[in-house]
């Protein structure tokens, strides 16, 4: 079973400003309402530690392109149980704003049982992070 979440926000700040806040992972505990912390090196192929809510896990970085994209793959226990490919994609718009597309593709046998929580709590978490990033970047 598969399921996808998609959120998108336009931020009235340039890409460099947005990216500098987003990629300052050490500062996440101070502002990020969704991802409480990210520890470790963010490098393609490497694992790092992420804390989301009360859940701590070690996803693998799949894509990391400065000022463009961060994508990771997280798993619950073993592949096929509950996997999530989480992505943040940034693009600079002609008017000087930045668009953030923040989403996740879920797969695995537990997805049907998690759908309601994904569509409510998890999506709300994505949106609250997006809004806070927007607020900080527009003040910078």
N, C-alpha and C. Protein backbone atom coordinates (compact mmCIF):
# COMPACT_ATOMS: atom_id res chain seq x y z
N UNK A 1 0.84 -1.19 0.00
CA UNK A 1 0.00 0.00 0.00
C UNK A 1 0.88 1.25 0.00
N UNK A 2 0.42 2.27 -0.73
CA UNK A 2 1.17 3.53 -0.81
C UNK A 2 0.26 4.69 -0.47
N UNK A 3 0.87 5.76 0.01
CA UNK A 3 0.15 6.98 0.33
C UNK A 3 1.13 8.15 0.22
N UNK A 4 0.62 9.30 -0.18
CA UNK A 4 1.50 10.45 -0.36
C UNK A 4 0.91 11.68 0.30
N UNK A 5 1.78 12.47 0.94
CA UNK A 5 1.41 13.78 1.48
C UNK A 5 2.16 14.84 0.69
N UNK A 6 1.48 15.95 0.42
CA UNK A 6 2.08 17.04 -0.34
C UNK A 6 1.65 18.35 0.29
N UNK A 7 2.63 19.19 0.62
CA UNK A 7 2.33 20.55 1.06
C UNK A 7 3.20 21.49 0.26
N UNK A 8 2.74 22.69 0.12
CA UNK A 8 3.48 23.68 -0.67
C UNK A 8 3.22 25.06 -0.07
N UNK A 9 4.27 25.88 -0.04
CA UNK A 9 4.14 27.23 0.52
C UNK A 9 5.06 28.17 -0.24
N UNK A 10 4.59 29.40 -0.44
CA UNK A 10 5.42 30.44 -1.03
C UNK A 10 5.89 31.34 0.10
N UNK A 11 7.19 31.56 0.12
CA UNK A 11 7.82 32.35 1.17
C UNK A 11 8.34 33.64 0.56
N UNK A 12 7.99 34.77 1.15
CA UNK A 12 8.39 36.07 0.64
C UNK A 12 9.80 36.42 1.10
N UNK A 13 10.73 35.59 0.66
CA UNK A 13 12.15 35.78 0.95
C UNK A 13 12.94 35.04 -0.13
N UNK A 14 14.17 35.48 -0.33
CA UNK A 14 14.98 34.84 -1.36
C UNK A 14 15.43 33.44 -0.92
N UNK A 15 15.83 32.66 -1.88
CA UNK A 15 16.20 31.27 -1.64
C UNK A 15 17.35 31.13 -0.65
N UNK A 16 18.36 31.98 -0.74
CA UNK A 16 19.51 31.88 0.17
C UNK A 16 19.07 32.05 1.63
N UNK A 17 18.18 32.99 1.87
CA UNK A 17 17.69 33.22 3.23
C UNK A 17 16.91 32.02 3.74
N UNK A 18 16.00 31.52 2.92
CA UNK A 18 15.18 30.37 3.31
C UNK A 18 16.07 29.15 3.58
N UNK A 19 16.99 28.91 2.65
CA UNK A 19 17.87 27.73 2.80
C UNK A 19 18.75 27.84 4.04
N UNK A 20 19.24 29.05 4.34
CA UNK A 20 20.13 29.20 5.50
C UNK A 20 19.40 28.84 6.79
N UNK A 21 18.13 29.18 6.89
CA UNK A 21 17.35 28.82 8.08
C UNK A 21 17.05 27.33 8.07
N UNK A 22 16.58 26.83 6.94
CA UNK A 22 16.23 25.41 6.82
C UNK A 22 17.41 24.50 7.12
N UNK A 23 18.58 24.84 6.60
CA UNK A 23 19.74 23.94 6.70
C UNK A 23 20.56 24.12 7.99
N UNK A 24 20.13 25.01 8.86
CA UNK A 24 20.77 25.19 10.16
C UNK A 24 20.15 24.19 11.14
N UNK A 25 20.48 22.92 10.95
CA UNK A 25 19.83 21.84 11.69
C UNK A 25 20.07 21.93 13.20
N UNK A 26 21.20 22.48 13.61
CA UNK A 26 21.48 22.62 15.04
C UNK A 26 20.47 23.53 15.73
N UNK A 27 19.86 24.42 14.96
CA UNK A 27 18.92 25.39 15.52
C UNK A 27 17.48 24.87 15.54
N UNK A 28 17.22 23.70 14.98
CA UNK A 28 15.85 23.17 14.92
C UNK A 28 15.14 23.15 16.27
N UNK A 29 15.81 22.75 17.35
CA UNK A 29 15.09 22.72 18.63
C UNK A 29 14.54 24.09 19.05
N UNK A 30 15.13 25.16 18.51
CA UNK A 30 14.72 26.51 18.88
C UNK A 30 13.51 27.03 18.10
N UNK A 31 13.20 26.40 16.94
CA UNK A 31 12.10 26.97 16.15
C UNK A 31 11.18 25.94 15.49
N UNK A 32 11.66 24.75 15.24
CA UNK A 32 10.90 23.83 14.40
C UNK A 32 9.84 23.08 15.23
N UNK A 33 8.57 23.30 14.93
CA UNK A 33 7.52 22.63 15.70
C UNK A 33 7.29 21.17 15.30
N UNK A 34 7.87 20.74 14.19
CA UNK A 34 7.65 19.38 13.70
C UNK A 34 8.88 18.49 13.88
N UNK A 35 10.00 18.92 13.34
CA UNK A 35 11.24 18.15 13.48
C UNK A 35 12.00 18.76 14.65
N UNK A 36 11.99 18.06 15.77
CA UNK A 36 12.57 18.59 17.00
C UNK A 36 14.10 18.66 16.95
N UNK A 37 14.73 17.71 16.23
CA UNK A 37 16.18 17.78 16.09
C UNK A 37 16.65 16.91 14.94
N UNK A 38 17.78 17.32 14.38
CA UNK A 38 18.52 16.55 13.38
C UNK A 38 19.96 16.56 13.83
N UNK A 39 20.52 15.35 14.00
CA UNK A 39 21.90 15.23 14.47
C UNK A 39 22.67 14.33 13.51
N UNK A 40 23.90 14.73 13.22
CA UNK A 40 24.74 13.94 12.34
C UNK A 40 24.99 14.67 11.04
N UNK A 41 25.83 14.08 10.22
CA UNK A 41 26.19 14.69 8.95
C UNK A 41 25.13 14.40 7.90
N UNK A 42 24.70 15.46 7.22
CA UNK A 42 23.72 15.30 6.16
C UNK A 42 24.51 15.16 4.85
N UNK A 43 24.65 13.93 4.43
CA UNK A 43 25.45 13.60 3.25
C UNK A 43 24.81 12.38 2.57
N UNK A 44 24.72 12.42 1.24
CA UNK A 44 24.08 11.34 0.50
C UNK A 44 24.69 9.99 0.87
N UNK A 45 23.80 9.06 1.19
CA UNK A 45 24.22 7.72 1.56
C UNK A 45 24.45 7.52 3.04
N UNK A 46 24.50 8.59 3.80
CA UNK A 46 24.75 8.52 5.24
C UNK A 46 23.45 8.55 6.03
N UNK A 47 23.49 7.96 7.21
CA UNK A 47 22.36 8.00 8.13
C UNK A 47 22.59 9.11 9.15
N UNK A 48 21.51 9.66 9.64
CA UNK A 48 21.56 10.68 10.68
C UNK A 48 20.41 10.40 11.63
N UNK A 49 20.38 11.12 12.73
CA UNK A 49 19.31 10.92 13.71
C UNK A 49 18.33 12.08 13.64
N UNK A 50 17.05 11.74 13.54
CA UNK A 50 16.00 12.76 13.51
C UNK A 50 14.99 12.47 14.60
N UNK A 51 14.53 13.53 15.23
CA UNK A 51 13.48 13.41 16.25
C UNK A 51 12.26 14.18 15.77
N UNK A 52 11.17 13.45 15.59
CA UNK A 52 9.90 14.05 15.17
C UNK A 52 8.88 13.67 16.23
N UNK A 53 8.40 14.68 16.94
CA UNK A 53 7.50 14.40 18.06
C UNK A 53 8.23 13.60 19.11
N UNK A 54 7.68 12.46 19.47
CA UNK A 54 8.32 11.59 20.47
C UNK A 54 9.07 10.44 19.82
N UNK A 55 9.14 10.46 18.50
CA UNK A 55 9.75 9.37 17.74
C UNK A 55 11.14 9.76 17.25
N UNK A 56 12.15 8.94 17.55
CA UNK A 56 13.50 9.16 17.06
C UNK A 56 13.85 8.01 16.12
N UNK A 57 14.40 8.36 14.96
CA UNK A 57 14.76 7.33 13.98
C UNK A 57 16.02 7.76 13.22
N UNK A 58 16.56 6.85 12.43
CA UNK A 58 17.80 7.12 11.70
C UNK A 58 17.59 6.88 10.20
N UNK A 59 17.11 7.91 9.50
CA UNK A 59 16.91 7.78 8.06
C UNK A 59 18.23 7.90 7.30
N UNK A 60 18.18 7.55 6.03
CA UNK A 60 19.34 7.64 5.14
C UNK A 60 19.11 8.78 4.15
N UNK A 61 20.10 9.63 3.98
CA UNK A 61 20.00 10.74 3.02
C UNK A 61 20.07 10.17 1.60
N UNK A 62 19.08 10.52 0.79
CA UNK A 62 19.02 10.07 -0.60
C UNK A 62 19.44 11.16 -1.57
N UNK A 63 19.05 12.41 -1.27
CA UNK A 63 19.40 13.56 -2.12
C UNK A 63 19.72 14.72 -1.19
N UNK A 64 20.86 15.38 -1.46
CA UNK A 64 21.17 16.61 -0.73
C UNK A 64 21.87 17.55 -1.70
N UNK A 65 21.12 18.53 -2.18
CA UNK A 65 21.65 19.53 -3.10
C UNK A 65 21.42 20.89 -2.46
N UNK A 66 22.52 21.59 -2.15
CA UNK A 66 22.44 22.90 -1.50
C UNK A 66 21.43 23.79 -2.22
N UNK A 67 20.60 24.45 -1.44
CA UNK A 67 19.61 25.42 -1.93
C UNK A 67 18.64 24.82 -2.94
N UNK A 68 18.48 23.49 -2.90
CA UNK A 68 17.55 22.86 -3.84
C UNK A 68 16.72 21.73 -3.23
N UNK A 69 17.38 20.75 -2.61
CA UNK A 69 16.61 19.59 -2.15
C UNK A 69 17.31 18.81 -1.04
N UNK A 70 16.47 18.32 -0.12
CA UNK A 70 16.88 17.32 0.86
C UNK A 70 15.82 16.24 0.85
N UNK A 71 16.23 15.01 0.59
CA UNK A 71 15.33 13.86 0.62
C UNK A 71 15.98 12.76 1.42
N UNK A 72 15.18 12.14 2.30
CA UNK A 72 15.69 11.01 3.07
C UNK A 72 14.69 9.86 3.04
N UNK A 73 15.18 8.68 3.34
CA UNK A 73 14.35 7.49 3.43
C UNK A 73 14.42 6.96 4.85
N UNK A 74 13.26 6.94 5.50
CA UNK A 74 13.17 6.41 6.85
C UNK A 74 12.37 5.11 6.83
N UNK A 75 12.69 4.23 7.75
CA UNK A 75 12.01 2.94 7.82
C UNK A 75 11.68 2.59 9.26
N UNK A 76 10.57 1.90 9.43
CA UNK A 76 10.21 1.35 10.72
C UNK A 76 10.67 -0.11 10.71
N UNK A 77 11.68 -0.38 11.49
CA UNK A 77 12.27 -1.72 11.63
C UNK A 77 12.92 -2.20 10.33
N UNK A 78 12.19 -2.91 9.48
CA UNK A 78 12.77 -3.46 8.25
C UNK A 78 11.99 -2.94 7.04
N UNK A 79 12.61 -2.95 5.86
CA UNK A 79 11.90 -2.47 4.66
C UNK A 79 10.57 -3.21 4.45
N UNK A 80 9.56 -2.41 4.06
CA UNK A 80 8.27 -3.00 3.72
C UNK A 80 7.24 -2.93 4.83
N UNK A 81 7.66 -2.58 6.04
CA UNK A 81 6.70 -2.45 7.14
C UNK A 81 6.04 -1.07 7.07
N UNK A 82 6.87 -0.03 7.15
CA UNK A 82 6.40 1.35 7.05
C UNK A 82 7.59 2.20 6.65
N UNK A 83 7.66 2.55 5.37
CA UNK A 83 8.78 3.31 4.82
C UNK A 83 8.28 4.69 4.41
N UNK A 84 9.12 5.70 4.61
CA UNK A 84 8.75 7.05 4.21
C UNK A 84 9.90 7.74 3.51
N UNK A 85 9.63 8.22 2.31
CA UNK A 85 10.61 9.02 1.56
C UNK A 85 10.18 10.48 1.69
N UNK A 86 10.87 11.18 2.60
CA UNK A 86 10.52 12.54 3.00
C UNK A 86 11.35 13.51 2.17
N UNK A 87 10.71 14.54 1.61
CA UNK A 87 11.46 15.46 0.75
C UNK A 87 11.07 16.91 1.00
N UNK A 88 12.08 17.74 0.84
CA UNK A 88 11.96 19.20 0.86
C UNK A 88 12.59 19.69 -0.44
N UNK A 89 11.82 20.35 -1.27
CA UNK A 89 12.34 20.87 -2.53
C UNK A 89 12.09 22.38 -2.57
N UNK A 90 13.14 23.12 -2.86
CA UNK A 90 13.09 24.57 -2.88
C UNK A 90 13.30 25.09 -4.29
N UNK A 91 12.55 26.12 -4.67
CA UNK A 91 12.80 26.78 -5.95
C UNK A 91 12.62 28.28 -5.80
N UNK A 92 13.49 28.99 -6.49
CA UNK A 92 13.44 30.44 -6.46
C UNK A 92 12.52 30.92 -7.58
N UNK A 93 11.64 31.83 -7.24
CA UNK A 93 10.69 32.35 -8.22
C UNK A 93 11.19 33.66 -8.80
N UNK A 94 10.69 34.01 -9.97
CA UNK A 94 11.14 35.23 -10.66
C UNK A 94 10.90 36.50 -9.85
N UNK A 95 9.90 36.49 -8.98
CA UNK A 95 9.59 37.68 -8.18
C UNK A 95 10.39 37.78 -6.89
N UNK A 96 11.38 36.87 -6.72
CA UNK A 96 12.24 36.92 -5.54
C UNK A 96 11.74 36.11 -4.37
N UNK A 97 10.59 35.48 -4.52
CA UNK A 97 10.07 34.61 -3.47
C UNK A 97 10.64 33.20 -3.65
N UNK A 98 10.38 32.35 -2.69
CA UNK A 98 10.83 30.96 -2.73
C UNK A 98 9.64 30.04 -2.51
N UNK A 99 9.58 28.98 -3.29
CA UNK A 99 8.55 27.97 -3.09
C UNK A 99 9.17 26.75 -2.44
N UNK A 100 8.54 26.28 -1.38
CA UNK A 100 8.94 25.05 -0.71
C UNK A 100 7.86 24.01 -0.96
N UNK A 101 8.26 22.88 -1.50
CA UNK A 101 7.37 21.72 -1.60
C UNK A 101 7.90 20.72 -0.58
N UNK A 102 7.05 20.37 0.35
CA UNK A 102 7.41 19.52 1.48
C UNK A 102 6.44 18.34 1.47
N UNK A 103 6.96 17.15 1.28
CA UNK A 103 6.07 16.01 1.21
C UNK A 103 6.73 14.72 1.61
N UNK A 104 5.94 13.66 1.53
CA UNK A 104 6.47 12.34 1.86
C UNK A 104 5.65 11.28 1.14
N UNK A 105 6.35 10.27 0.64
CA UNK A 105 5.72 9.11 0.01
C UNK A 105 5.90 7.94 0.96
N UNK A 106 4.79 7.39 1.39
CA UNK A 106 4.79 6.29 2.33
C UNK A 106 4.46 4.99 1.61
N UNK A 107 5.08 3.91 2.07
CA UNK A 107 4.75 2.60 1.54
C UNK A 107 4.96 1.57 2.65
N UNK A 108 4.34 0.41 2.48
CA UNK A 108 4.48 -0.66 3.45
C UNK A 108 3.15 -1.18 3.96
N UNK A 109 3.21 -2.30 4.65
CA UNK A 109 1.99 -2.96 5.07
C UNK A 109 1.22 -2.21 6.16
N UNK A 110 1.86 -1.30 6.87
CA UNK A 110 1.17 -0.55 7.92
C UNK A 110 0.49 0.73 7.41
N UNK A 111 0.75 1.11 6.16
CA UNK A 111 0.20 2.36 5.63
C UNK A 111 -1.32 2.44 5.76
N UNK A 112 -2.09 1.41 5.40
CA UNK A 112 -3.54 1.53 5.52
C UNK A 112 -4.01 1.83 6.95
N UNK A 113 -3.28 1.34 7.93
CA UNK A 113 -3.65 1.55 9.32
C UNK A 113 -3.23 2.93 9.83
N UNK A 114 -2.33 3.58 9.12
CA UNK A 114 -1.78 4.87 9.53
C UNK A 114 -2.36 6.05 8.74
N UNK A 115 -3.17 5.75 7.73
CA UNK A 115 -3.64 6.79 6.81
C UNK A 115 -4.30 7.98 7.50
N UNK A 116 -5.18 7.72 8.46
CA UNK A 116 -5.87 8.81 9.14
C UNK A 116 -4.89 9.71 9.87
N UNK A 117 -3.95 9.13 10.59
CA UNK A 117 -2.93 9.90 11.31
C UNK A 117 -2.04 10.68 10.34
N UNK A 118 -1.70 10.06 9.22
CA UNK A 118 -0.88 10.73 8.21
C UNK A 118 -1.60 11.96 7.66
N UNK A 119 -2.89 11.81 7.37
CA UNK A 119 -3.65 12.90 6.76
C UNK A 119 -4.02 14.00 7.74
N UNK A 120 -3.89 13.75 9.02
CA UNK A 120 -4.21 14.76 10.02
C UNK A 120 -2.94 15.23 10.73
N UNK A 121 -2.49 14.49 11.71
CA UNK A 121 -1.36 14.91 12.54
C UNK A 121 -0.08 15.16 11.74
N UNK A 122 0.27 14.23 10.87
CA UNK A 122 1.54 14.36 10.14
C UNK A 122 1.46 15.53 9.16
N UNK A 123 0.37 15.62 8.41
CA UNK A 123 0.23 16.73 7.46
C UNK A 123 0.22 18.07 8.20
N UNK A 124 -0.46 18.13 9.34
CA UNK A 124 -0.46 19.36 10.14
C UNK A 124 0.95 19.70 10.61
N UNK A 125 1.76 18.68 10.92
CA UNK A 125 3.15 18.90 11.31
C UNK A 125 3.95 19.50 10.17
N UNK A 126 3.76 18.98 8.97
CA UNK A 126 4.44 19.53 7.79
C UNK A 126 4.06 21.01 7.64
N UNK A 127 2.76 21.27 7.69
CA UNK A 127 2.28 22.64 7.48
C UNK A 127 2.75 23.60 8.57
N UNK A 128 2.82 23.14 9.81
CA UNK A 128 3.29 24.02 10.89
C UNK A 128 4.77 24.34 10.71
N UNK A 129 5.56 23.36 10.27
CA UNK A 129 6.97 23.61 9.99
C UNK A 129 7.10 24.61 8.84
N UNK A 130 6.34 24.41 7.78
CA UNK A 130 6.39 25.33 6.64
C UNK A 130 6.07 26.75 7.06
N UNK A 131 5.02 26.90 7.85
CA UNK A 131 4.59 28.24 8.29
C UNK A 131 5.64 28.91 9.16
N UNK A 132 6.27 28.15 10.04
CA UNK A 132 7.30 28.73 10.92
C UNK A 132 8.53 29.12 10.11
N UNK A 133 8.92 28.28 9.15
CA UNK A 133 10.04 28.63 8.27
C UNK A 133 9.73 29.91 7.50
N UNK A 134 8.52 30.02 6.99
CA UNK A 134 8.09 31.22 6.28
C UNK A 134 8.19 32.46 7.18
N UNK A 135 7.67 32.33 8.39
CA UNK A 135 7.69 33.44 9.35
C UNK A 135 9.14 33.89 9.62
N UNK A 136 10.01 32.96 9.89
CA UNK A 136 11.41 33.31 10.20
C UNK A 136 12.12 33.92 9.00
N UNK A 137 11.92 33.35 7.82
CA UNK A 137 12.59 33.86 6.62
C UNK A 137 12.10 35.25 6.24
N UNK A 138 10.82 35.48 6.43
CA UNK A 138 10.27 36.80 6.07
C UNK A 138 10.67 37.89 7.06
N UNK A 139 11.08 37.51 8.26
CA UNK A 139 11.57 38.47 9.26
C UNK A 139 13.05 38.75 9.09
N UNK A 140 13.77 37.83 8.44
CA UNK A 140 15.24 37.93 8.34
C UNK A 140 15.66 39.09 7.46
